[in-house]
Amino acid sequence: MVDQAIDLFQALRSESARRFCAYLQTHRARIPNYDYYQSEGIPIGSGPAESWIKQIDQRLQLTGAQWLPRNVPQMLALRCRYLSDQLDLYSLSRR
């Protein structure tokens, strides 16, 4: 896809087009292949990720809770396991 875009813009022969082609060449490795992601059914928008982050954030903001930075990764791991139905609450209660 990057090569196709470069070919299209090089035909314009303007300074702006030249700079854009140089940008594409420089950042080629960082440009996502959105066609591939869409064909695999992977969302390409930021909406789903932002929604998940908000859900985790809301659940960590319990009334009266105080979080130490060193404890947050463990709580996030527990929350992720719970959301993915991989948390066995029975075995946790027996500890």
N, C-alpha and C. Protein backbone atom coordinates (compact mmCIF):
# COMPACT_ATOMS: atom_id res chain seq x y z
N MET A 1 0.82 -1.20 0.00
CA MET A 1 0.00 0.00 0.00
C MET A 1 0.87 1.27 0.00
N VAL A 2 1.95 1.24 0.76
CA VAL A 2 2.82 2.41 0.82
C VAL A 2 3.41 2.68 -0.55
N ASP A 3 3.84 1.62 -1.22
CA ASP A 3 4.41 1.80 -2.56
C ASP A 3 3.40 2.39 -3.53
N GLN A 4 2.15 1.96 -3.42
CA GLN A 4 1.11 2.50 -4.30
C GLN A 4 0.90 3.99 -4.04
N ALA A 5 0.88 4.37 -2.77
CA ALA A 5 0.71 5.79 -2.43
C ALA A 5 1.88 6.61 -2.94
N ILE A 6 3.08 6.09 -2.78
CA ILE A 6 4.27 6.81 -3.27
C ILE A 6 4.18 6.99 -4.77
N ASP A 7 3.81 5.94 -5.48
CA ASP A 7 3.68 6.04 -6.94
C ASP A 7 2.68 7.12 -7.35
N LEU A 8 1.55 7.17 -6.64
CA LEU A 8 0.53 8.17 -6.97
C LEU A 8 1.04 9.60 -6.73
N PHE A 9 1.70 9.80 -5.60
CA PHE A 9 2.14 11.15 -5.27
C PHE A 9 3.37 11.58 -6.05
N GLN A 10 4.23 10.65 -6.41
CA GLN A 10 5.40 11.02 -7.20
C GLN A 10 4.99 11.56 -8.56
N ALA A 11 3.87 11.08 -9.07
CA ALA A 11 3.39 11.55 -10.37
C ALA A 11 2.99 13.03 -10.33
N LEU A 12 2.70 13.56 -9.13
CA LEU A 12 2.29 14.96 -9.01
C LEU A 12 3.47 15.93 -9.17
N ARG A 13 4.65 15.51 -8.80
CA ARG A 13 5.88 16.29 -8.97
C ARG A 13 5.87 17.64 -8.27
N SER A 14 5.10 17.80 -7.24
CA SER A 14 5.12 19.05 -6.46
C SER A 14 6.02 18.86 -5.24
N GLU A 15 6.42 19.97 -4.63
CA GLU A 15 7.27 19.91 -3.44
C GLU A 15 6.53 19.21 -2.30
N SER A 16 5.26 19.50 -2.13
CA SER A 16 4.48 18.85 -1.08
C SER A 16 4.41 17.35 -1.29
N ALA A 17 4.20 16.94 -2.52
CA ALA A 17 4.14 15.52 -2.84
C ALA A 17 5.49 14.86 -2.59
N ARG A 18 6.58 15.54 -2.93
CA ARG A 18 7.91 14.99 -2.70
C ARG A 18 8.16 14.80 -1.21
N ARG A 19 7.78 15.79 -0.39
CA ARG A 19 7.97 15.68 1.06
C ARG A 19 7.11 14.55 1.64
N PHE A 20 5.90 14.42 1.13
CA PHE A 20 5.04 13.36 1.62
C PHE A 20 5.62 11.98 1.27
N CYS A 21 6.14 11.84 0.08
CA CYS A 21 6.77 10.57 -0.32
C CYS A 21 7.98 10.27 0.56
N ALA A 22 8.76 11.29 0.87
CA ALA A 22 9.91 11.11 1.76
C ALA A 22 9.45 10.67 3.15
N TYR A 23 8.36 11.26 3.62
CA TYR A 23 7.79 10.87 4.92
C TYR A 23 7.38 9.41 4.89
N LEU A 24 6.68 9.00 3.83
CA LEU A 24 6.24 7.61 3.72
C LEU A 24 7.44 6.66 3.70
N GLN A 25 8.48 7.01 2.99
CA GLN A 25 9.68 6.16 2.94
C GLN A 25 10.32 6.04 4.31
N THR A 26 10.43 7.17 5.01
CA THR A 26 11.08 7.19 6.32
C THR A 26 10.30 6.38 7.35
N HIS A 27 8.99 6.46 7.32
CA HIS A 27 8.14 5.85 8.34
C HIS A 27 7.43 4.59 7.86
N ARG A 28 7.90 4.02 6.78
CA ARG A 28 7.28 2.85 6.16
C ARG A 28 7.02 1.72 7.17
N ALA A 29 7.97 1.44 8.03
CA ALA A 29 7.84 0.31 8.96
C ALA A 29 6.80 0.56 10.04
N ARG A 30 6.46 1.81 10.30
CA ARG A 30 5.51 2.13 11.36
C ARG A 30 4.08 2.33 10.86
N ILE A 31 3.87 2.29 9.56
CA ILE A 31 2.55 2.53 8.99
C ILE A 31 1.77 1.22 9.01
N PRO A 32 0.66 1.18 9.76
CA PRO A 32 -0.12 -0.07 9.86
C PRO A 32 -0.76 -0.45 8.53
N ASN A 33 -0.92 -1.74 8.33
CA ASN A 33 -1.62 -2.26 7.15
C ASN A 33 -3.09 -2.41 7.52
N TYR A 34 -3.85 -1.33 7.36
CA TYR A 34 -5.25 -1.33 7.78
C TYR A 34 -6.10 -2.32 7.00
N ASP A 35 -5.76 -2.57 5.75
CA ASP A 35 -6.51 -3.56 4.97
C ASP A 35 -6.42 -4.93 5.63
N TYR A 36 -5.21 -5.28 6.09
CA TYR A 36 -5.02 -6.58 6.75
C TYR A 36 -5.86 -6.65 8.02
N TYR A 37 -5.77 -5.61 8.86
CA TYR A 37 -6.52 -5.62 10.13
C TYR A 37 -8.02 -5.74 9.88
N GLN A 38 -8.52 -4.99 8.91
CA GLN A 38 -9.95 -5.06 8.61
C GLN A 38 -10.34 -6.44 8.08
N SER A 39 -9.50 -7.03 7.25
CA SER A 39 -9.83 -8.37 6.71
C SER A 39 -9.83 -9.42 7.81
N GLU A 40 -9.06 -9.20 8.88
CA GLU A 40 -9.01 -10.13 10.02
C GLU A 40 -10.09 -9.82 11.06
N GLY A 41 -10.85 -8.74 10.83
CA GLY A 41 -11.90 -8.36 11.77
C GLY A 41 -11.38 -7.66 13.01
N ILE A 42 -10.15 -7.15 12.94
CA ILE A 42 -9.54 -6.45 14.07
C ILE A 42 -9.95 -4.98 13.98
N PRO A 43 -10.53 -4.42 15.06
CA PRO A 43 -10.93 -3.01 15.02
C PRO A 43 -9.72 -2.10 14.84
N ILE A 44 -9.86 -1.09 13.99
CA ILE A 44 -8.75 -0.17 13.74
C ILE A 44 -8.96 1.18 14.41
N GLY A 45 -10.13 1.39 14.98
CA GLY A 45 -10.40 2.65 15.66
C GLY A 45 -9.94 2.60 17.11
N SER A 46 -9.86 3.76 17.73
CA SER A 46 -9.42 3.81 19.12
C SER A 46 -10.59 3.64 20.09
N GLY A 47 -11.80 3.65 19.60
CA GLY A 47 -12.98 3.56 20.45
C GLY A 47 -13.02 2.35 21.37
N PRO A 48 -12.85 1.12 20.83
CA PRO A 48 -12.90 -0.05 21.71
C PRO A 48 -11.83 -0.03 22.81
N ALA A 49 -10.61 0.36 22.46
CA ALA A 49 -9.54 0.39 23.47
C ALA A 49 -9.85 1.43 24.54
N GLU A 50 -10.33 2.60 24.13
CA GLU A 50 -10.68 3.64 25.10
C GLU A 50 -11.82 3.18 26.01
N SER A 51 -12.77 2.46 25.47
CA SER A 51 -13.88 1.94 26.26
C SER A 51 -13.39 0.95 27.30
N TRP A 52 -12.50 0.04 26.90
CA TRP A 52 -11.96 -0.95 27.84
C TRP A 52 -11.19 -0.26 28.97
N ILE A 53 -10.40 0.74 28.61
CA ILE A 53 -9.62 1.46 29.62
C ILE A 53 -10.55 2.15 30.62
N LYS A 54 -11.62 2.76 30.13
CA LYS A 54 -12.57 3.42 31.02
C LYS A 54 -13.23 2.42 31.96
N GLN A 55 -13.57 1.23 31.45
CA GLN A 55 -14.19 0.22 32.29
C GLN A 55 -13.25 -0.22 33.42
N ILE A 56 -12.01 -0.47 33.08
CA ILE A 56 -11.03 -0.87 34.09
C ILE A 56 -10.83 0.25 35.09
N ASP A 57 -10.71 1.49 34.60
CA ASP A 57 -10.51 2.65 35.47
C ASP A 57 -11.66 2.80 36.46
N GLN A 58 -12.89 2.66 35.99
CA GLN A 58 -14.06 2.81 36.87
C GLN A 58 -14.07 1.74 37.96
N ARG A 59 -13.67 0.55 37.62
CA ARG A 59 -13.71 -0.53 38.60
C ARG A 59 -12.57 -0.42 39.62
N LEU A 60 -11.51 0.26 39.26
CA LEU A 60 -10.41 0.45 40.21
C LEU A 60 -10.63 1.65 41.13
N GLN A 61 -11.61 2.48 40.82
CA GLN A 61 -11.87 3.66 41.63
C GLN A 61 -13.00 3.36 42.63
N LEU A 62 -12.72 2.47 43.53
CA LEU A 62 -13.70 2.12 44.56
C LEU A 62 -13.74 3.21 45.61
N THR A 63 -14.92 3.46 46.16
CA THR A 63 -15.07 4.47 47.19
C THR A 63 -14.20 4.13 48.39
N GLY A 64 -13.37 5.06 48.79
CA GLY A 64 -12.52 4.89 49.96
C GLY A 64 -11.25 4.10 49.71
N ALA A 65 -11.07 3.59 48.52
CA ALA A 65 -9.87 2.79 48.23
C ALA A 65 -8.68 3.71 47.97
N GLN A 66 -7.54 3.28 48.45
CA GLN A 66 -6.30 3.98 48.17
C GLN A 66 -5.35 2.98 47.54
N TRP A 67 -4.82 3.34 46.38
CA TRP A 67 -4.00 2.41 45.62
C TRP A 67 -2.54 2.82 45.67
N LEU A 68 -1.71 1.87 45.99
CA LEU A 68 -0.28 2.08 45.89
C LEU A 68 0.14 1.70 44.48
N PRO A 69 1.02 2.46 43.86
CA PRO A 69 1.42 2.13 42.49
C PRO A 69 1.89 0.69 42.32
N ARG A 70 2.53 0.12 43.33
CA ARG A 70 3.04 -1.25 43.19
C ARG A 70 1.91 -2.29 43.17
N ASN A 71 0.71 -1.92 43.63
CA ASN A 71 -0.41 -2.87 43.67
C ASN A 71 -1.29 -2.84 42.42
N VAL A 72 -1.18 -1.81 41.65
CA VAL A 72 -2.06 -1.66 40.48
C VAL A 72 -1.89 -2.80 39.47
N PRO A 73 -0.66 -3.22 39.11
CA PRO A 73 -0.55 -4.31 38.13
C PRO A 73 -1.26 -5.59 38.56
N GLN A 74 -1.20 -5.92 39.85
CA GLN A 74 -1.87 -7.13 40.32
C GLN A 74 -3.39 -6.99 40.20
N MET A 75 -3.91 -5.82 40.53
CA MET A 75 -5.35 -5.60 40.43
C MET A 75 -5.81 -5.64 38.97
N LEU A 76 -5.00 -5.07 38.09
CA LEU A 76 -5.36 -5.11 36.66
C LEU A 76 -5.34 -6.55 36.15
N ALA A 77 -4.36 -7.34 36.60
CA ALA A 77 -4.30 -8.74 36.17
C ALA A 77 -5.54 -9.49 36.65
N LEU A 78 -5.94 -9.26 37.91
CA LEU A 78 -7.15 -9.91 38.42
C LEU A 78 -8.37 -9.49 37.63
N ARG A 79 -8.47 -8.20 37.36
CA ARG A 79 -9.63 -7.68 36.62
C ARG A 79 -9.69 -8.28 35.22
N CYS A 80 -8.56 -8.37 34.56
CA CYS A 80 -8.53 -8.94 33.21
C CYS A 80 -8.93 -10.41 33.23
N ARG A 81 -8.46 -11.14 34.23
CA ARG A 81 -8.85 -12.55 34.34
C ARG A 81 -10.34 -12.68 34.60
N TYR A 82 -10.87 -11.81 35.43
CA TYR A 82 -12.31 -11.83 35.72
C TYR A 82 -13.12 -11.56 34.46
N LEU A 83 -12.75 -10.54 33.71
CA LEU A 83 -13.49 -10.16 32.50
C LEU A 83 -13.41 -11.25 31.43
N SER A 84 -12.34 -12.02 31.42
CA SER A 84 -12.20 -13.07 30.40
C SER A 84 -12.65 -14.43 30.92
N ASP A 85 -13.38 -14.43 32.05
CA ASP A 85 -13.90 -15.68 32.65
C ASP A 85 -12.79 -16.68 32.98
N GLN A 86 -11.62 -16.19 33.36
CA GLN A 86 -10.52 -17.07 33.73
C GLN A 86 -10.21 -16.99 35.22
N LEU A 87 -11.04 -16.31 35.99
CA LEU A 87 -10.80 -16.14 37.41
C LEU A 87 -11.65 -17.14 38.20
N ASP A 88 -10.99 -17.97 38.96
CA ASP A 88 -11.66 -18.95 39.78
C ASP A 88 -11.83 -18.36 41.18
N LEU A 89 -12.99 -17.76 41.45
CA LEU A 89 -13.21 -17.10 42.73
C LEU A 89 -13.23 -18.08 43.89
N TYR A 90 -13.63 -19.31 43.64
CA TYR A 90 -13.68 -20.32 44.70
C TYR A 90 -12.26 -20.61 45.22
N SER A 91 -11.31 -20.80 44.32
CA SER A 91 -9.96 -21.11 44.77
C SER A 91 -9.31 -19.91 45.45
N LEU A 92 -9.68 -18.70 45.06
CA LEU A 92 -9.15 -17.51 45.73
C LEU A 92 -9.68 -17.39 47.14
N SER A 93 -10.93 -17.76 47.37
CA SER A 93 -11.53 -17.62 48.70
C SER A 93 -11.00 -18.65 49.68
N ARG A 94 -10.40 -19.72 49.21
CA ARG A 94 -9.88 -20.77 50.08
C ARG A 94 -8.45 -20.50 50.52
N ARG A 95 -7.84 -19.46 50.06
CA ARG A 95 -6.44 -19.18 50.42
C ARG A 95 -6.35 -18.60 51.79
